Protein backbone atom coordinates (compact mmCIF):
# COMPACT_ATOMS: atom_id res chain seq x y z
CA MET A 1 -27.76 -1.01 -24.97
CA PHE A 2 -26.08 1.63 -23.14
CA ASP A 3 -28.84 4.23 -24.06
CA ASN A 4 -31.43 2.18 -21.89
CA VAL A 5 -28.95 2.34 -19.01
CA ARG A 6 -28.00 6.05 -19.40
CA ALA A 7 -31.07 7.38 -17.74
CA ASP A 8 -30.74 4.99 -14.96
CA ILE A 9 -27.13 6.04 -14.14
CA ALA A 10 -28.16 9.88 -14.65
CA THR A 11 -30.85 9.44 -11.96
CA THR A 12 -28.58 8.08 -9.64
CA LEU A 13 -26.25 10.82 -10.00
CA ASP A 14 -29.07 13.51 -9.51
CA GLU A 15 -29.88 11.54 -6.35
CA ILE A 16 -26.41 11.77 -4.85
CA ARG A 17 -26.33 15.48 -5.91
CA GLU A 18 -29.59 16.11 -4.20
CA ALA A 19 -28.55 14.67 -0.90
CA GLY A 20 -25.54 16.68 -0.97
CA LEU A 21 -23.26 13.59 -1.19
CA PHE A 22 -21.93 14.53 -4.72
CA LYS A 23 -18.00 14.65 -4.48
CA PRO A 24 -16.64 17.36 -6.96
CA GLU A 25 -12.92 17.21 -7.87
CA ARG A 26 -10.81 20.33 -7.31
CA VAL A 27 -8.02 20.36 -9.90
CA ILE A 28 -4.49 21.44 -8.49
CA GLY A 29 -1.85 23.11 -10.68
CA SER A 30 1.12 22.85 -8.41
CA PRO A 31 2.87 20.14 -6.61
CA GLN A 32 1.78 18.95 -3.42
CA SER A 33 2.67 21.15 -0.48
CA ALA A 34 1.30 23.31 2.30
CA ALA A 35 0.12 25.75 -0.39
CA VAL A 36 -1.64 24.58 -3.55
CA THR A 37 -2.61 26.42 -6.61
CA VAL A 38 -6.46 25.40 -7.56
CA THR A 39 -6.97 25.84 -11.19
CA ALA A 40 -10.56 24.45 -11.66
CA GLY A 41 -13.35 23.18 -9.05
CA GLY A 42 -12.99 26.18 -6.55
CA ARG A 43 -11.74 29.66 -6.53
CA PRO A 44 -8.59 29.56 -8.41
CA GLY A 45 -5.40 30.84 -6.75
CA GLU A 46 -3.02 29.83 -4.11
CA VAL A 47 -4.56 28.29 -1.01
CA LEU A 48 -3.39 26.54 2.34
CA ASN A 49 -3.79 22.76 1.98
CA PHE A 50 -5.27 21.05 5.24
CA CYS A 51 -6.51 18.15 3.61
CA ALA A 52 -3.73 16.18 2.55
CA ASN A 53 -2.35 12.95 4.06
CA ASN A 54 1.27 14.64 3.44
CA TYR A 55 2.04 14.48 7.04
CA LEU A 56 5.57 14.84 7.09
CA GLY A 57 5.72 17.40 3.90
CA LEU A 58 7.83 15.00 2.03
CA ALA A 59 5.75 14.94 -1.23
CA ASP A 60 7.64 17.79 -2.66
CA HIS A 61 10.93 17.57 -0.53
CA PRO A 62 14.09 18.48 -2.37
CA GLU A 63 16.03 15.31 -1.37
CA VAL A 64 12.95 13.16 -2.22
CA LEU A 65 12.75 14.59 -5.55
CA ALA A 66 16.41 14.28 -6.27
CA ALA A 67 16.37 10.79 -5.51
CA ALA A 68 13.47 10.18 -7.88
CA LYS A 69 15.27 12.01 -10.85
CA ASP A 70 18.24 9.98 -10.30
CA ALA A 71 16.37 6.84 -10.27
CA LEU A 72 14.59 7.61 -13.41
CA ASP A 73 18.42 7.68 -15.14
CA ARG A 74 19.22 4.25 -13.40
CA TRP A 75 16.22 2.30 -13.21
CA GLY A 76 13.64 3.50 -15.81
CA TYR A 77 10.18 4.76 -15.90
CA GLY A 78 8.30 1.43 -15.33
CA MET A 79 8.59 -2.56 -15.32
CA ALA A 80 5.89 -3.28 -17.68
CA SER A 81 5.74 -6.60 -15.93
CA VAL A 82 4.74 -8.27 -12.94
CA ARG A 83 6.92 -9.29 -9.87
CA PHE A 84 7.52 -13.13 -10.50
CA ILE A 85 8.00 -12.46 -14.75
CA CYS A 86 10.56 -9.81 -15.04
CA GLY A 87 9.39 -7.27 -12.63
CA THR A 88 11.87 -7.46 -9.99
CA GLN A 89 14.86 -5.03 -9.74
CA ASP A 90 17.61 -4.39 -6.85
CA VAL A 91 15.69 -1.54 -5.84
CA HIS A 92 12.13 -3.39 -5.08
CA LYS A 93 14.38 -6.04 -2.95
CA GLU A 94 16.28 -3.06 -1.00
CA LEU A 95 12.96 -1.23 -0.19
CA GLU A 96 11.36 -4.73 1.01
CA ASN A 97 14.49 -5.12 3.38
CA ARG A 98 14.30 -1.47 4.49
CA LEU A 99 10.70 -1.63 5.64
CA SER A 100 11.29 -5.02 7.22
CA ALA A 101 13.91 -3.61 9.51
CA PHE A 102 12.22 -0.45 10.00
CA LEU A 103 9.00 -1.90 11.05
CA GLY A 104 10.52 -4.55 12.92
CA GLN A 105 8.97 -7.59 10.88
CA GLU A 106 10.67 -10.68 9.38
CA ASP A 107 9.80 -9.78 5.60
CA THR A 108 8.02 -7.25 3.37
CA ILE A 109 6.15 -7.52 0.21
CA LEU A 110 5.30 -4.45 -2.14
CA TYR A 111 1.79 -3.90 -3.76
CA SER A 112 0.70 -1.32 -6.07
CA SER A 113 -1.43 0.25 -3.19
CA CYS A 114 -2.32 -0.32 0.46
CA PHE A 115 -5.90 -0.99 -1.20
CA ASP A 116 -4.28 -3.95 -3.01
CA ALA A 117 -2.21 -5.13 0.00
CA ASN A 118 -5.38 -5.65 2.02
CA GLY A 119 -7.18 -6.93 -0.87
CA GLY A 120 -4.41 -9.57 -1.18
CA VAL A 121 -3.96 -11.01 2.39
CA PHE A 122 -7.36 -12.52 3.66
CA GLU A 123 -8.01 -14.56 0.57
CA THR A 124 -4.55 -15.83 0.69
CA LEU A 125 -4.52 -16.61 4.45
CA LEU A 126 -7.96 -17.93 5.47
CA ASP A 127 -10.65 -20.26 4.15
CA GLU A 128 -14.00 -21.43 5.43
CA ARG A 129 -12.58 -23.03 8.22
CA ASP A 130 -11.24 -19.69 9.60
CA ALA A 131 -12.51 -16.57 11.19
CA VAL A 132 -11.66 -13.04 10.68
CA ILE A 133 -12.69 -10.36 13.56
CA SER A 134 -12.58 -7.04 12.28
CA ASP A 135 -13.08 -3.53 13.92
CA ALA A 136 -16.42 -1.98 12.85
CA LEU A 137 -14.62 1.17 11.55
CA ASN A 138 -12.00 -0.51 9.68
CA HIS A 139 -10.96 1.03 6.01
CA ALA A 140 -13.14 0.12 3.15
CA SER A 141 -10.10 -1.62 1.87
CA ILE A 142 -9.85 -4.12 4.66
CA ILE A 143 -13.61 -4.71 4.71
CA ASP A 144 -13.32 -5.53 0.70
CA GLY A 145 -10.43 -7.73 1.22
CA ILE A 146 -12.31 -9.58 3.90
CA ARG A 147 -15.35 -9.93 1.42
CA LEU A 148 -12.82 -11.84 -0.92
CA SER A 149 -12.06 -14.42 1.51
CA LYS A 150 -14.13 -17.55 2.44
CA ALA A 151 -13.65 -16.94 6.25
CA ARG A 152 -16.28 -16.47 8.63
CA ARG A 153 -16.61 -12.59 9.14
CA HIS A 154 -17.18 -11.37 12.76
CA ARG A 155 -17.17 -7.55 13.63
CA TYR A 156 -16.57 -5.78 17.06
CA ALA A 157 -17.57 -2.28 17.99
CA ASN A 158 -14.81 0.40 17.52
CA ARG A 159 -12.34 -0.24 19.95
CA ASP A 160 -14.54 -1.99 22.00
CA LEU A 161 -12.31 -4.41 23.91
CA ALA A 162 -15.37 -6.56 25.70
CA ASP A 163 -17.04 -7.24 22.32
CA LEU A 164 -13.65 -8.18 20.66
CA GLU A 165 -13.37 -10.69 23.48
CA GLN A 166 -16.85 -11.83 23.05
CA GLN A 167 -16.28 -12.59 19.23
CA LEU A 168 -12.94 -14.50 20.09
CA LYS A 169 -15.06 -16.73 22.70
CA GLU A 170 -17.61 -17.28 19.89
CA THR A 171 -14.92 -18.45 17.13
CA GLN A 172 -12.91 -20.78 19.41
CA ASP A 173 -13.72 -23.65 17.00
CA ALA A 174 -12.03 -22.18 13.94
CA ARG A 175 -8.92 -23.26 12.77
CA ARG A 176 -7.10 -19.87 12.48
CA ARG A 177 -8.39 -16.55 13.62
CA LEU A 178 -7.16 -12.98 12.71
CA ILE A 179 -7.99 -10.00 14.53
CA VAL A 180 -7.63 -7.07 12.02
CA THR A 181 -7.95 -3.12 13.05
CA ASP A 182 -6.80 0.05 11.61
CA GLY A 183 -3.93 1.44 13.55
CA VAL A 184 -5.53 5.08 13.37
CA PHE A 185 -8.95 5.33 12.23
CA SER A 186 -9.06 7.75 9.26
CA MET A 187 -12.18 9.68 10.12
CA ASP A 188 -11.64 10.16 13.61
CA GLY A 189 -7.95 10.12 14.36
CA TYR A 190 -8.46 7.62 17.01
CA VAL A 191 -5.77 5.08 17.91
CA ALA A 192 -6.34 1.37 18.27
CA PRO A 193 -5.63 -0.16 21.95
CA LEU A 194 -3.01 -2.44 20.36
CA ARG A 195 -1.57 -3.86 23.42
CA GLU A 196 -4.85 -4.82 24.72
CA ILE A 197 -5.55 -6.39 21.42
CA CYS A 198 -2.39 -8.45 21.56
CA ASP A 199 -3.37 -9.45 25.14
CA LEU A 200 -6.67 -10.84 23.77
CA ALA A 201 -5.11 -12.32 20.73
CA ASP A 202 -2.34 -14.18 23.42
CA ARG A 203 -5.23 -15.38 25.64
CA TYR A 204 -7.28 -16.69 22.76
CA ASP A 205 -4.59 -17.83 20.38
CA ALA A 206 -5.19 -15.49 17.68
CA MET A 207 -3.25 -13.42 15.11
CA VAL A 208 -3.32 -9.44 14.91
CA MET A 209 -3.04 -7.59 11.74
CA VAL A 210 -3.19 -3.71 11.37
CA ASP A 211 -3.28 -1.24 8.77
CA ASP A 212 -1.08 1.32 9.90
CA SER A 213 -1.43 3.77 6.91
CA HIS A 214 -2.19 6.85 9.09
CA ALA A 215 0.71 6.28 11.49
CA VAL A 216 3.75 4.93 9.88
CA GLY A 217 6.46 7.45 9.46
CA PHE A 218 5.31 9.94 12.53
CA VAL A 219 3.74 7.77 15.30
CA GLY A 220 5.88 6.21 17.76
CA ALA A 221 9.15 7.48 19.13
CA GLY A 222 11.04 6.49 15.95
CA GLY A 223 7.91 6.85 13.57
CA ARG A 224 7.53 3.28 13.36
CA GLY A 225 3.65 3.49 13.69
CA THR A 226 1.33 2.32 16.41
CA PRO A 227 2.96 -1.11 17.21
CA GLU A 228 5.92 1.21 18.23
CA LEU A 229 3.72 3.48 20.23
CA HIS A 230 2.23 0.89 22.50
CA GLY A 231 5.42 -1.26 22.54
CA VAL A 232 3.82 -4.32 20.75
CA MET A 233 6.25 -4.50 17.51
CA ASP A 234 7.20 -8.14 18.20
CA ARG A 235 3.72 -9.15 18.97
CA VAL A 236 1.69 -8.05 15.85
CA ASP A 237 2.07 -10.66 13.09
CA ILE A 238 1.04 -8.58 9.89
CA ILE A 239 1.44 -4.71 9.14
CA THR A 240 -0.19 -3.38 6.09
CA GLY A 241 0.72 0.57 5.05
CA THR A 242 1.20 2.78 2.35
CA LEU A 243 3.81 4.75 0.71
CA GLY A 244 1.50 7.29 -0.62
CA LYS A 245 0.72 9.33 2.90
CA ALA A 246 3.72 10.08 5.34
CA LEU A 247 6.35 8.10 3.52
CA GLY A 248 6.36 10.55 0.32
CA GLY A 249 2.74 10.91 -0.81
CA ALA A 250 3.05 9.05 -4.05
CA SER A 251 1.67 5.39 -4.54
CA GLY A 252 2.20 2.09 -3.41
CA GLY A 253 1.70 -0.40 -0.61
CA TYR A 254 3.25 -3.35 1.59
CA VAL A 255 2.44 -6.09 3.70
CA ALA A 256 5.26 -6.75 6.38
CA ALA A 257 4.56 -9.42 8.13
CA ARG A 258 6.03 -13.13 9.61
CA ARG A 259 8.47 -14.61 6.88
CA GLU A 260 6.25 -17.65 6.12
CA ILE A 261 3.15 -15.14 5.69
CA VAL A 262 4.92 -13.01 2.96
CA ALA A 263 6.27 -16.20 1.39
CA LEU A 264 2.76 -17.70 0.86
CA LEU A 265 1.60 -14.14 -0.11
CA ARG A 266 4.38 -14.09 -3.13
CA GLN A 267 3.08 -17.44 -4.31
CA ARG A 268 -0.85 -16.87 -3.87
CA SER A 269 -1.91 -13.15 -3.58
CA ARG A 270 -3.77 -12.29 -6.38
CA PRO A 271 -3.27 -8.60 -6.52
CA TYR A 272 0.58 -9.08 -6.25
CA LEU A 273 0.78 -11.70 -9.04
CA PHE A 274 -1.29 -9.97 -11.24
CA SER A 275 -0.57 -6.34 -11.04
CA ASN A 276 2.54 -4.56 -12.64
CA SER A 277 5.28 -3.92 -10.01
CA LEU A 278 5.82 -0.88 -8.18
CA ALA A 279 7.41 1.64 -10.22
CA PRO A 280 11.19 1.66 -9.66
CA VAL A 281 11.21 5.38 -9.09
CA ILE A 282 8.59 5.18 -6.22
CA ALA A 283 10.84 2.42 -4.76
CA ALA A 284 14.05 4.51 -5.15
CA ALA A 285 12.44 7.75 -3.61
CA SER A 286 10.56 5.84 -0.90
CA LEU A 287 14.30 4.72 0.22
CA LYS A 288 15.39 8.46 0.59
CA VAL A 289 12.27 9.06 2.65
CA LEU A 290 13.14 6.23 5.13
CA ASP A 291 16.84 7.72 5.52
CA LEU A 292 15.12 11.09 6.45
CA VAL A 293 12.51 9.54 8.80
CA GLU A 294 15.37 7.65 10.26
CA GLN A 295 17.97 10.41 10.75
CA SER A 296 16.06 13.27 12.45
CA ASN A 297 12.85 13.68 14.63
CA GLU A 298 12.55 17.42 13.55
CA LEU A 299 9.58 16.46 10.98
CA ARG A 300 7.73 14.56 13.56
CA GLU A 301 8.31 17.23 16.35
CA ARG A 302 7.20 20.21 13.75
CA LEU A 303 4.12 17.97 13.03
CA ALA A 304 3.20 17.42 16.73
CA ALA A 305 3.66 21.33 17.26
CA ASN A 306 1.49 22.14 14.62
CA THR A 307 -1.12 19.67 15.95
CA ALA A 308 -1.00 20.78 19.17
CA LEU A 309 -1.44 24.45 18.11
CA PHE A 310 -4.53 23.90 15.74
CA ARG A 311 -6.38 21.73 18.26
CA ALA A 312 -6.05 24.11 21.07
CA LYS A 313 -7.18 27.29 18.87
CA MET A 314 -9.65 25.80 17.60
CA THR A 315 -11.14 24.56 20.95
CA GLU A 316 -10.51 27.93 22.22
CA ALA A 317 -12.57 29.29 19.35
CA GLY A 318 -15.71 27.15 20.19
CA PHE A 319 -15.19 24.33 17.62
CA GLU A 320 -15.86 20.68 18.58
CA ILE A 321 -12.70 18.67 17.86
CA LEU A 322 -12.54 15.03 18.25
CA PRO A 323 -10.21 14.35 21.32
CA GLY A 324 -6.58 13.21 20.77
CA ASP A 325 -3.25 14.25 19.52
CA HIS A 326 -3.28 12.69 15.88
CA PRO A 327 -2.77 15.14 13.06
CA ILE A 328 -6.17 14.21 11.82
CA ALA A 329 -8.19 16.70 13.52
CA PRO A 330 -11.95 16.40 12.63
CA VAL A 331 -14.08 19.56 13.08
CA MET A 332 -17.58 18.19 14.02
CA ILE A 333 -20.14 20.08 12.26
CA GLY A 334 -23.34 17.37 12.11
CA ASP A 335 -25.38 18.46 9.21
CA ALA A 336 -24.09 17.14 6.01
CA ALA A 337 -25.03 20.46 3.86
CA LYS A 338 -23.66 22.51 6.40
CA ALA A 339 -20.27 21.10 6.19
CA GLY A 340 -20.19 21.11 2.71
CA ARG A 341 -21.16 24.84 2.75
CA LEU A 342 -18.65 25.56 5.16
CA ALA A 343 -15.66 24.01 3.38
CA GLU A 344 -16.69 26.03 0.26
CA LEU A 345 -16.65 29.42 2.45
CA LEU A 346 -13.28 28.15 3.87
CA LEU A 347 -11.66 27.82 0.14
CA GLU A 348 -13.10 31.31 -0.55
CA ARG A 349 -10.87 32.26 2.53
CA GLY A 350 -7.93 30.37 0.95
CA VAL A 351 -8.00 27.21 2.89
CA TYR A 352 -8.63 24.08 1.50
CA VAL A 353 -10.56 21.30 3.12
CA ILE A 354 -13.23 18.89 2.46
CA GLY A 355 -16.28 18.22 4.22
CA PHE A 356 -17.01 14.57 5.03
CA SER A 357 -20.84 13.02 5.30
CA TYR A 358 -22.71 9.69 4.97
CA PRO A 359 -21.83 7.08 4.01
CA VAL A 360 -18.17 8.07 4.87
CA VAL A 361 -19.33 8.78 8.26
CA PRO A 362 -22.47 8.07 10.15
CA HIS A 363 -25.74 10.22 9.71
CA GLY A 364 -25.67 13.40 11.61
CA GLN A 365 -21.77 12.95 11.91
CA ALA A 366 -20.63 15.31 9.28
CA ARG A 367 -17.33 17.04 9.68
CA ILE A 368 -14.36 18.89 8.26
CA ARG A 369 -11.21 16.65 8.54
CA VAL A 370 -8.55 18.78 8.96
CA GLN A 371 -4.90 17.09 8.56
CA LEU A 372 -1.77 19.14 9.64
CA SER A 373 1.60 18.44 8.00
CA ALA A 374 5.14 19.34 9.03
CA ALA A 375 5.07 21.75 6.04
CA HIS A 376 2.89 24.00 7.61
CA SER A 377 4.50 27.20 9.46
CA THR A 378 2.78 28.31 12.54
CA GLU A 379 1.38 31.38 10.66
CA ASP A 380 -0.40 28.79 8.30
CA VAL A 381 -2.07 27.18 11.41
CA GLU A 382 -3.19 30.47 12.70
CA ARG A 383 -4.52 31.52 9.33
CA ALA A 384 -6.59 28.33 8.99
CA VAL A 385 -8.12 29.00 12.61
CA ALA A 386 -8.88 32.49 11.61
CA ALA A 387 -10.50 31.66 8.48
CA PHE A 388 -12.65 28.92 10.18
CA VAL A 389 -13.89 31.72 12.77
CA ASP A 390 -14.68 33.88 9.84
CA ALA A 391 -16.49 31.31 7.49
CA ARG A 392 -18.63 30.12 10.55
CA ALA A 393 -19.39 33.86 10.96
CA ALA A 394 -20.41 33.97 7.26
CA LEU A 395 -22.44 30.64 7.62
CA GLY A 396 -24.63 32.32 10.24
CA GLU A 397 -23.20 30.17 13.36
C-alpha cells in the first residue's frame, strides 16, 4: 500500500521545498546556551544563538543542573505511569503548589507540554451550549484545543477590543463563554491588552484564559507574566504555560486556574489522564528555577537591557523591527526566500537565527524572529547586529 502513497508524499515534500517553506533541522552538539555548536545542517562550529526561548539563560544554569542531578538519584528517571494510577510523587505536588502561589491562582495541574495543556482545557469545560472567543493570532495549540470541543467558535481580530466586544454581544445566549488569548504573541512580540479584556469579560459575564508561555518568568515586576504586568492576576480565570521556555527550557506545561476548574481537569482532561507524568527530574529542576526567579531581578534586568540594546542598534542600522520591548524582536524582511537566504548568510557569520514565512506568518510578512536572552553579553548583541549589517550587504540590499 505504501508504494502507492510514497510518490504523493514525495510530491508534497517537493512542493514545500519549491515554495521555500521546507524546514531543515540544524543539529546542535552542545548544551542550549548563548552560544551553541552546530554539527550538521549549517556551517559547523560555534555560533551565537539568537533564536531560542531560553529567555533567562537557565537551560544550562549550574544550580538548575545540580538540582536535576540530585533529582535523578532521589526520584529516578521516569514514572512509567499516568498521574492517577501511580504517577504522582511528592515533587509533582510541590511544583503544582509552587506554581499556584507564584501565579496567584488557587490550584495548578501539570501536563507533559503546554500544547497538551491547551488541548485538555476546552473539551473538558465547554460543550455545544457554550462559546469560545479566540484571538485570531493565538498559538496553534489553542486553535487545535478549541477544535476538540463542541463549543461554538468565534474569533476576533488580533488585540481588537471592539471586535471582541462584538463577539461577546453575539454570544449572549451561550451558557458559558470563554475569552482566550496569548499573553504575548510569539511571532510579533506584542502583548495582549489584558486589563481591557478583563473589563469586557466582567461586563459580559465571560471567563478569561491566557496562554502566557512567552511571558512567565520575565514579564511583570516579579516575572509572573502578563496578568502581573497589567495588574489583573486576580481577574484571569485560567493561565496555561510552559516549563520549556524561560522556566528552564526543558519540557512540560501546566494549567493554573480556579480550584474547581483544576479539579474537573484532573477528572476529565484527556491529555492529563492518558499521558505519562512529567519526568520527576524536570519537576525538581523547575522548583530550583522558581527559586532563582523569585530570589533576584538580575536575570530579568539583564534580559531587558539586552533587548533594548538590540532593538536600538538594529533600528539605527535601518532594519525594520516590530515595535515593543519584548525580547522577541522580529526583523521584518517581507519576501520568504530573502528571509531564508538572510538566515543562511547570518549562520555563515556565526549567528544562528531562523527565517519565518507563510503559513507561520501571513504572506508578504516573512521575518527573522530574533530572541534575546539574559545569557547574552553586550558583546554578543553587538556582534549580532554587525552580522545583520554584513549579511544584508552580501544579500545585495
